Amino acid sequence: MSIDREGVRAPYLQLADILRTRIQTGEIPTGRKLPSQMELEQEFDLSRNTIKKALDVLKAEDLIETAPGRGLFVKNSKAE
């Protein structure tokens, strides 16, 4: 998946959609660390601010959590 820079939807929302799909399909399993902000910047050619906004969306949705000094991880679903 890639970011549609000509699209109507903001790039940070597109990135949040891509990461959400990766989490929901198990491509990034529960308990696993997400790619670093730098890795996401390189993969999607987006600014650090755009990456942060996308990650903030996923935090607000309670899909990911910060482990201080370790990074961002996929949270366990409430159904598990």
PDB file of N, CA and C in Angstrom:
ATOM      1  N   MET A   1       0.841  -1.180   0.000  1.00  0.00           N
ATOM      2  CA  MET A   1       0.000   0.000   0.000  1.00  0.00           C
ATOM      3  C   MET A   1       0.885   1.240   0.000  1.00  0.00           C
ATOM      4  N   SER A   2       0.370   2.274  -0.605  1.00  0.00           N
ATOM      5  CA  SER A   2       1.132   3.516  -0.632  1.00  0.00           C
ATOM      6  C   SER A   2       0.200   4.689  -0.347  1.00  0.00           C
ATOM      7  N   ILE A   3       0.808   5.822  -0.122  1.00  0.00           N
ATOM      8  CA  ILE A   3       0.074   7.049   0.173  1.00  0.00           C
ATOM      9  C   ILE A   3      -0.286   7.734  -1.138  1.00  0.00           C
ATOM     10  N   ASP A   4      -1.553   8.089  -1.289  1.00  0.00           N
ATOM     11  CA  ASP A   4      -2.025   8.815  -2.475  1.00  0.00           C
ATOM     12  C   ASP A   4      -1.904  10.310  -2.182  1.00  0.00           C
ATOM     13  N   ARG A   5      -0.848  10.905  -2.675  1.00  0.00           N
ATOM     14  CA  ARG A   5      -0.584  12.322  -2.393  1.00  0.00           C
ATOM     15  C   ARG A   5      -1.559  13.251  -3.106  1.00  0.00           C
ATOM     16  N   GLU A   6      -2.250  12.749  -4.110  1.00  0.00           N
ATOM     17  CA  GLU A   6      -3.239  13.551  -4.838  1.00  0.00           C
ATOM     18  C   GLU A   6      -4.646  13.334  -4.287  1.00  0.00           C
ATOM     19  N   GLY A   7      -4.775  12.408  -3.360  1.00  0.00           N
ATOM     20  CA  GLY A   7      -6.085  12.052  -2.821  1.00  0.00           C
ATOM     21  C   GLY A   7      -6.656  13.123  -1.905  1.00  0.00           C
ATOM     22  N   VAL A   8      -7.931  12.969  -1.630  1.00  0.00           N
ATOM     23  CA  VAL A   8      -8.649  13.908  -0.773  1.00  0.00           C
ATOM     24  C   VAL A   8      -8.307  13.673   0.700  1.00  0.00           C
ATOM     25  N   ARG A   9      -8.094  12.411   1.056  1.00  0.00           N
ATOM     26  CA  ARG A   9      -7.821  12.051   2.462  1.00  0.00           C
ATOM     27  C   ARG A   9      -6.391  12.443   2.831  1.00  0.00           C
ATOM     28  N   ALA A  10      -6.244  13.043   4.000  1.00  0.00           N
ATOM     29  CA  ALA A  10      -4.936  13.500   4.482  1.00  0.00           C
ATOM     30  C   ALA A  10      -3.957  12.322   4.585  1.00  0.00           C
ATOM     31  N   PRO A  11      -2.677  12.557   4.258  1.00  0.00           N
ATOM     32  CA  PRO A  11      -1.683  11.471   4.317  1.00  0.00           C
ATOM     33  C   PRO A  11      -1.593  10.790   5.684  1.00  0.00           C
ATOM     34  N   TYR A  12      -1.730  11.539   6.770  1.00  0.00           N
ATOM     35  CA  TYR A  12      -1.620  10.905   8.083  1.00  0.00           C
ATOM     36  C   TYR A  12      -2.777   9.937   8.324  1.00  0.00           C
ATOM     37  N   LEU A  13      -3.961  10.255   7.791  1.00  0.00           N
ATOM     38  CA  LEU A  13      -5.099   9.347   7.926  1.00  0.00           C
ATOM     39  C   LEU A  13      -4.921   8.114   7.043  1.00  0.00           C
ATOM     40  N   GLN A  14      -4.342   8.304   5.864  1.00  0.00           N
ATOM     41  CA  GLN A  14      -4.048   7.166   4.994  1.00  0.00           C
ATOM     42  C   GLN A  14      -3.051   6.227   5.670  1.00  0.00           C
ATOM     43  N   LEU A  15      -2.017   6.794   6.285  1.00  0.00           N
ATOM     44  CA  LEU A  15      -1.029   5.973   6.977  1.00  0.00           C
ATOM     45  C   LEU A  15      -1.666   5.250   8.154  1.00  0.00           C
ATOM     46  N   ALA A  16      -2.507   5.940   8.903  1.00  0.00           N
ATOM     47  CA  ALA A  16      -3.206   5.297  10.020  1.00  0.00           C
ATOM     48  C   ALA A  16      -4.037   4.119   9.501  1.00  0.00           C
ATOM     49  N   ASP A  17      -4.695   4.297   8.358  1.00  0.00           N
ATOM     50  CA  ASP A  17      -5.488   3.216   7.748  1.00  0.00           C
ATOM     51  C   ASP A  17      -4.602   2.024   7.402  1.00  0.00           C
ATOM     52  N   ILE A  18      -3.442   2.290   6.805  1.00  0.00           N
ATOM     53  CA  ILE A  18      -2.514   1.220   6.401  1.00  0.00           C
ATOM     54  C   ILE A  18      -2.034   0.452   7.631  1.00  0.00           C
ATOM     55  N   LEU A  19      -1.607   1.176   8.661  1.00  0.00           N
ATOM     56  CA  LEU A  19      -1.109   0.519   9.871  1.00  0.00           C
ATOM     57  C   LEU A  19      -2.223  -0.235  10.586  1.00  0.00           C
ATOM     58  N   ARG A  20      -3.435   0.339  10.623  1.00  0.00           N
ATOM     59  CA  ARG A  20      -4.585  -0.328  11.244  1.00  0.00           C
ATOM     60  C   ARG A  20      -4.859  -1.654  10.532  1.00  0.00           C
ATOM     61  N   THR A  21      -4.817  -1.635   9.208  1.00  0.00           N
ATOM     62  CA  THR A  21      -5.043  -2.852   8.433  1.00  0.00           C
ATOM     63  C   THR A  21      -3.964  -3.890   8.738  1.00  0.00           C
ATOM     64  N   ARG A  22      -2.717  -3.456   8.831  1.00  0.00           N
ATOM     65  CA  ARG A  22      -1.621  -4.380   9.153  1.00  0.00           C
ATOM     66  C   ARG A  22      -1.825  -5.011  10.524  1.00  0.00           C
ATOM     67  N   ILE A  23      -2.346  -4.246  11.465  1.00  0.00           N
ATOM     68  CA  ILE A  23      -2.611  -4.757  12.811  1.00  0.00           C
ATOM     69  C   ILE A  23      -3.794  -5.732  12.772  1.00  0.00           C
ATOM     70  N   GLN A  24      -4.874  -5.331  12.114  1.00  0.00           N
ATOM     71  CA  GLN A  24      -6.092  -6.151  12.090  1.00  0.00           C
ATOM     72  C   GLN A  24      -5.906  -7.465  11.339  1.00  0.00           C
ATOM     73  N   THR A  25      -5.037  -7.482  10.339  1.00  0.00           N
ATOM     74  CA  THR A  25      -4.795  -8.707   9.577  1.00  0.00           C
ATOM     75  C   THR A  25      -3.711  -9.578  10.197  1.00  0.00           C
ATOM     76  N   GLY A  26      -3.070  -9.076  11.243  1.00  0.00           N
ATOM     77  CA  GLY A  26      -2.023  -9.843  11.902  1.00  0.00           C
ATOM     78  C   GLY A  26      -0.651  -9.686  11.277  1.00  0.00           C
ATOM     79  N   GLU A  27      -0.539  -8.822  10.267  1.00  0.00           N
ATOM     80  CA  GLU A  27       0.781  -8.572   9.680  1.00  0.00           C
ATOM     81  C   GLU A  27       1.719  -7.995  10.739  1.00  0.00           C
ATOM     82  N   ILE A  28       1.145  -7.169  11.628  1.00  0.00           N
ATOM     83  CA  ILE A  28       1.863  -6.720  12.828  1.00  0.00           C
ATOM     84  C   ILE A  28       1.073  -7.313  13.998  1.00  0.00           C
ATOM     85  N   PRO A  29       1.510  -8.451  14.534  1.00  0.00           N
ATOM     86  CA  PRO A  29       0.734  -9.166  15.550  1.00  0.00           C
ATOM     87  C   PRO A  29       0.659  -8.434  16.893  1.00  0.00           C
ATOM     88  N   THR A  30      -0.326  -8.829  17.681  1.00  0.00           N
ATOM     89  CA  THR A  30      -0.501  -8.329  19.034  1.00  0.00           C
ATOM     90  C   THR A  30       0.796  -8.513  19.818  1.00  0.00           C
ATOM     91  N   GLY A  31       1.181  -7.467  20.535  1.00  0.00           N
ATOM     92  CA  GLY A  31       2.388  -7.519  21.352  1.00  0.00           C
ATOM     93  C   GLY A  31       3.656  -7.191  20.604  1.00  0.00           C
ATOM     94  N   ARG A  32       3.585  -7.109  19.292  1.00  0.00           N
ATOM     95  CA  ARG A  32       4.763  -6.815  18.476  1.00  0.00           C
ATOM     96  C   ARG A  32       5.030  -5.322  18.423  1.00  0.00           C
ATOM     97  N   LYS A  33       6.286  -5.012  18.241  1.00  0.00           N
ATOM     98  CA  LYS A  33       6.712  -3.621  18.100  1.00  0.00           C
ATOM     99  C   LYS A  33       6.400  -3.135  16.690  1.00  0.00           C
ATOM    100  N   LEU A  34       5.917  -1.904  16.598  1.00  0.00           N
ATOM    101  CA  LEU A  34       5.701  -1.279  15.298  1.00  0.00           C
ATOM    102  C   LEU A  34       7.032  -0.829  14.728  1.00  0.00           C
ATOM    103  N   PRO A  35       7.104  -0.644  13.416  1.00  0.00           N
ATOM    104  CA  PRO A  35       8.322  -0.060  12.845  1.00  0.00           C
ATOM    105  C   PRO A  35       8.586   1.296  13.488  1.00  0.00           C
ATOM    106  N   SER A  36       9.845   1.677  13.572  1.00  0.00           N
ATOM    107  CA  SER A  36      10.191   2.974  14.164  1.00  0.00           C
ATOM    108  C   SER A  36       9.675   4.108  13.283  1.00  0.00           C
ATOM    109  N   GLN A  37       9.614   5.292  13.856  1.00  0.00           N
ATOM    110  CA  GLN A  37       9.184   6.453  13.074  1.00  0.00           C
ATOM    111  C   GLN A  37      10.111   6.646  11.876  1.00  0.00           C
ATOM    112  N   MET A  38      11.398   6.432  12.073  1.00  0.00           N
ATOM    113  CA  MET A  38      12.349   6.596  10.978  1.00  0.00           C
ATOM    114  C   MET A  38      12.073   5.572   9.865  1.00  0.00           C
ATOM    115  N   GLU A  39      11.790   4.338  10.245  1.00  0.00           N
ATOM    116  CA  GLU A  39      11.474   3.311   9.249  1.00  0.00           C
ATOM    117  C   GLU A  39      10.208   3.673   8.480  1.00  0.00           C
ATOM    118  N   LEU A  40       9.207   4.187   9.186  1.00  0.00           N
ATOM    119  CA  LEU A  40       7.964   4.584   8.520  1.00  0.00           C
ATOM    120  C   LEU A  40       8.197   5.788   7.604  1.00  0.00           C
ATOM    121  N   GLU A  41       9.031   6.726   8.047  1.00  0.00           N
ATOM    122  CA  GLU A  41       9.377   7.876   7.199  1.00  0.00           C
ATOM    123  C   GLU A  41       9.982   7.398   5.890  1.00  0.00           C
ATOM    124  N   GLN A  42      10.900   6.454   5.975  1.00  0.00           N
ATOM    125  CA  GLN A  42      11.571   5.948   4.785  1.00  0.00           C
ATOM    126  C   GLN A  42      10.631   5.127   3.911  1.00  0.00           C
ATOM    127  N   GLU A  43       9.817   4.285   4.518  1.00  0.00           N
ATOM    128  CA  GLU A  43       8.909   3.435   3.745  1.00  0.00           C
ATOM    129  C   GLU A  43       7.874   4.242   2.985  1.00  0.00           C
ATOM    130  N   PHE A  44       7.342   5.282   3.624  1.00  0.00           N
ATOM    131  CA  PHE A  44       6.231   6.029   3.027  1.00  0.00           C
ATOM    132  C   PHE A  44       6.625   7.420   2.530  1.00  0.00           C
ATOM    133  N   ASP A  45       7.873   7.819   2.741  1.00  0.00           N
ATOM    134  CA  ASP A  45       8.359   9.133   2.326  1.00  0.00           C
ATOM    135  C   ASP A  45       7.466  10.246   2.877  1.00  0.00           C
ATOM    136  N   LEU A  46       7.272  10.197   4.193  1.00  0.00           N
ATOM    137  CA  LEU A  46       6.449  11.181   4.888  1.00  0.00           C
ATOM    138  C   LEU A  46       7.282  11.857   5.969  1.00  0.00           C
ATOM    139  N   SER A  47       6.840  13.028   6.390  1.00  0.00           N
ATOM    140  CA  SER A  47       7.557  13.763   7.426  1.00  0.00           C
ATOM    141  C   SER A  47       7.320  13.134   8.795  1.00  0.00           C
ATOM    142  N   ARG A  48       8.219  13.434   9.711  1.00  0.00           N
ATOM    143  CA  ARG A  48       8.104  12.936  11.082  1.00  0.00           C
ATOM    144  C   ARG A  48       6.785  13.389  11.714  1.00  0.00           C
ATOM    145  N   ASN A  49       6.360  14.615  11.441  1.00  0.00           N
ATOM    146  CA  ASN A  49       5.113  15.130  11.991  1.00  0.00           C
ATOM    147  C   ASN A  49       3.910  14.335  11.473  1.00  0.00           C
ATOM    148  N   THR A  50       3.923  13.998  10.190  1.00  0.00           N
ATOM    149  CA  THR A  50       2.834  13.219   9.606  1.00  0.00           C
ATOM    150  C   THR A  50       2.779  11.830  10.229  1.00  0.00           C
ATOM    151  N   ILE A  51       3.944  11.206  10.425  1.00  0.00           N
ATOM    152  CA  ILE A  51       4.019   9.890  11.062  1.00  0.00           C
ATOM    153  C   ILE A  51       3.462   9.976  12.481  1.00  0.00           C
ATOM    154  N   LYS A  52       3.870  10.984  13.219  1.00  0.00           N
ATOM    155  CA  LYS A  52       3.407  11.156  14.600  1.00  0.00           C
ATOM    156  C   LYS A  52       1.894  11.305  14.658  1.00  0.00           C
ATOM    157  N   LYS A  53       1.330  12.097  13.747  1.00  0.00           N
ATOM    158  CA  LYS A  53      -0.126  12.278  13.731  1.00  0.00           C
ATOM    159  C   LYS A  53      -0.846  10.959  13.456  1.00  0.00           C
ATOM    160  N   ALA A  54      -0.311  10.148  12.556  1.00  0.00           N
ATOM    161  CA  ALA A  54      -0.917   8.848  12.260  1.00  0.00           C
ATOM    162  C   ALA A  54      -0.862   7.945  13.491  1.00  0.00           C
ATOM    163  N   LEU A  55       0.279   7.937  14.167  1.00  0.00           N
ATOM    164  CA  LEU A  55       0.421   7.114  15.365  1.00  0.00           C
ATOM    165  C   LEU A  55      -0.495   7.607  16.483  1.00  0.00           C
ATOM    166  N   ASP A  56      -0.689   8.916  16.577  1.00  0.00           N
ATOM    167  CA  ASP A  56      -1.612   9.469  17.574  1.00  0.00           C
ATOM    168  C   ASP A  56      -3.043   8.991  17.325  1.00  0.00           C
ATOM    169  N   VAL A  57      -3.422   8.854  16.062  1.00  0.00           N
ATOM    170  CA  VAL A  57      -4.753   8.342  15.724  1.00  0.00           C
ATOM    171  C   VAL A  57      -4.900   6.915  16.263  1.00  0.00           C
ATOM    172  N   LEU A  58      -3.878   6.089  16.034  1.00  0.00           N
ATOM    173  CA  LEU A  58      -3.940   4.696  16.493  1.00  0.00           C
ATOM    174  C   LEU A  58      -3.908   4.592  18.014  1.00  0.00           C
ATOM    175  N   LYS A  59      -3.184   5.492  18.665  1.00  0.00           N
ATOM    176  CA  LYS A  59      -3.204   5.523  20.134  1.00  0.00           C
ATOM    177  C   LYS A  59      -4.597   5.894  20.633  1.00  0.00           C
ATOM    178  N   ALA A  60      -5.227   6.882  19.999  1.00  0.00           N
ATOM    179  CA  ALA A  60      -6.563   7.312  20.394  1.00  0.00           C
ATOM    180  C   ALA A  60      -7.582   6.184  20.203  1.00  0.00           C
ATOM    181  N   GLU A  61      -7.337   5.329  19.230  1.00  0.00           N
ATOM    182  CA  GLU A  61      -8.212   4.174  18.976  1.00  0.00           C
ATOM    183  C   GLU A  61      -7.874   3.000  19.886  1.00  0.00           C
ATOM    184  N   ASP A  62      -6.861   3.181  20.733  1.00  0.00           N
ATOM    185  CA  ASP A  62      -6.431   2.167  21.694  1.00  0.00           C
ATOM    186  C   ASP A  62      -5.894   0.903  21.015  1.00  0.00           C
ATOM    187  N   LEU A  63      -5.283   1.072  19.837  1.00  0.00           N
ATOM    188  CA  LEU A  63      -4.692  -0.051  19.115  1.00  0.00           C
ATOM    189  C   LEU A  63      -3.220  -0.245  19.442  1.00  0.00           C
ATOM    190  N   ILE A  64      -2.544   0.852  19.813  1.00  0.00           N
ATOM    191  CA  ILE A  64      -1.117   0.780  20.117  1.00  0.00           C
ATOM    192  C   ILE A  64      -0.843   1.484  21.430  1.00  0.00           C
ATOM    193  N   GLU A  65       0.307   1.155  22.012  1.00  0.00           N
ATOM    194  CA  GLU A  65       0.712   1.800  23.263  1.00  0.00           C
ATOM    195  C   GLU A  65       2.217   2.019  23.246  1.00  0.00           C
ATOM    196  N   THR A  66       2.642   3.005  24.011  1.00  0.00           N
ATOM    197  CA  THR A  66       4.056   3.339  24.122  1.00  0.00           C
ATOM    198  C   THR A  66       4.670   2.583  25.286  1.00  0.00           C
ATOM    199  N   ALA A  67       5.815   1.980  25.038  1.00  0.00           N
ATOM    200  CA  ALA A  67       6.625   1.388  26.098  1.00  0.00           C
ATOM    201  C   ALA A  67       7.854   2.290  26.204  1.00  0.00           C
ATOM    202  N   PRO A  68       7.902   3.161  27.218  1.00  0.00           N
ATOM    203  CA  PRO A  68       8.989   4.128  27.310  1.00  0.00           C
ATOM    204  C   PRO A  68      10.368   3.487  27.154  1.00  0.00           C
ATOM    205  N   GLY A  69      11.140   4.064  26.252  1.00  0.00           N
ATOM    206  CA  GLY A  69      12.479   3.580  25.991  1.00  0.00           C
ATOM    207  C   GLY A  69      12.542   2.359  25.080  1.00  0.00           C
ATOM    208  N   ARG A  70      11.380   1.816  24.706  1.00  0.00           N
ATOM    209  CA  ARG A  70      11.350   0.605  23.874  1.00  0.00           C
ATOM    210  C   ARG A  70      10.643   0.821  22.550  1.00  0.00           C
ATOM    211  N   GLY A  71       9.658   1.718  22.503  1.00  0.00           N
ATOM    212  CA  GLY A  71       8.947   1.976  21.254  1.00  0.00           C
ATOM    213  C   GLY A  71       7.451   1.810  21.390  1.00  0.00           C
ATOM    214  N   LEU A  72       6.800   1.653  20.243  1.00  0.00           N
ATOM    215  CA  LEU A  72       5.349   1.486  20.184  1.00  0.00           C
ATOM    216  C   LEU A  72       5.016   0.034  19.886  1.00  0.00           C
ATOM    217  N   PHE A  73       4.000  -0.464  20.576  1.00  0.00           N
ATOM    218  CA  PHE A  73       3.619  -1.869  20.451  1.00  0.00           C
ATOM    219  C   PHE A  73       2.124  -1.991  20.204  1.00  0.00           C
ATOM    220  N   VAL A  74       1.733  -3.060  19.515  1.00  0.00           N
ATOM    221  CA  VAL A  74       0.321  -3.365  19.306  1.00  0.00           C
ATOM    222  C   VAL A  74      -0.244  -3.860  20.632  1.00  0.00           C
ATOM    223  N   LYS A  75      -1.348  -3.255  21.044  1.00  0.00           N
ATOM    224  CA  LYS A  75      -1.982  -3.645  22.300  1.00  0.00           C
ATOM    225  C   LYS A  75      -2.732  -4.949  22.132  1.00  0.00           C
ATOM    226  N   ASN A  76      -2.870  -5.660  23.237  1.00  0.00           N
ATOM    227  CA  ASN A  76      -3.716  -6.848  23.239  1.00  0.00           C
ATOM    228  C   ASN A  76      -5.153  -6.390  23.065  1.00  0.00           C
ATOM    229  N   SER A  77      -5.895  -7.107  22.238  1.00  0.00           N
ATOM    230  CA  SER A  77      -7.312  -6.749  22.061  1.00  0.00           C
ATOM    231  C   SER A  77      -8.072  -7.114  23.307  1.00  0.00           C
ATOM    232  N   LYS A  78      -9.171  -6.428  23.527  1.00  0.00           N
ATOM    233  CA  LYS A  78      -9.976  -6.665  24.711  1.00  0.00           C
ATOM    234  C   LYS A  78     -10.659  -8.035  24.659  1.00  0.00           C
ATOM    235  N   ALA A  79     -10.761  -8.612  23.451  1.00  0.00           N
ATOM    236  CA  ALA A  79     -11.402  -9.917  23.292  1.00  0.00           C
ATOM    237  C   ALA A  79     -10.485 -11.062  23.699  1.00  0.00           C
ATOM    238  N   GLU A  80      -9.190 -10.794  23.803  1.00  0.00           N
ATOM    239  CA  GLU A  80      -8.253 -11.882  24.118  1.00  0.00           C
ATOM    240  C   GLU A  80      -8.192 -12.143  25.599  1.00  0.00           C
TER     241      GLU A  80
END
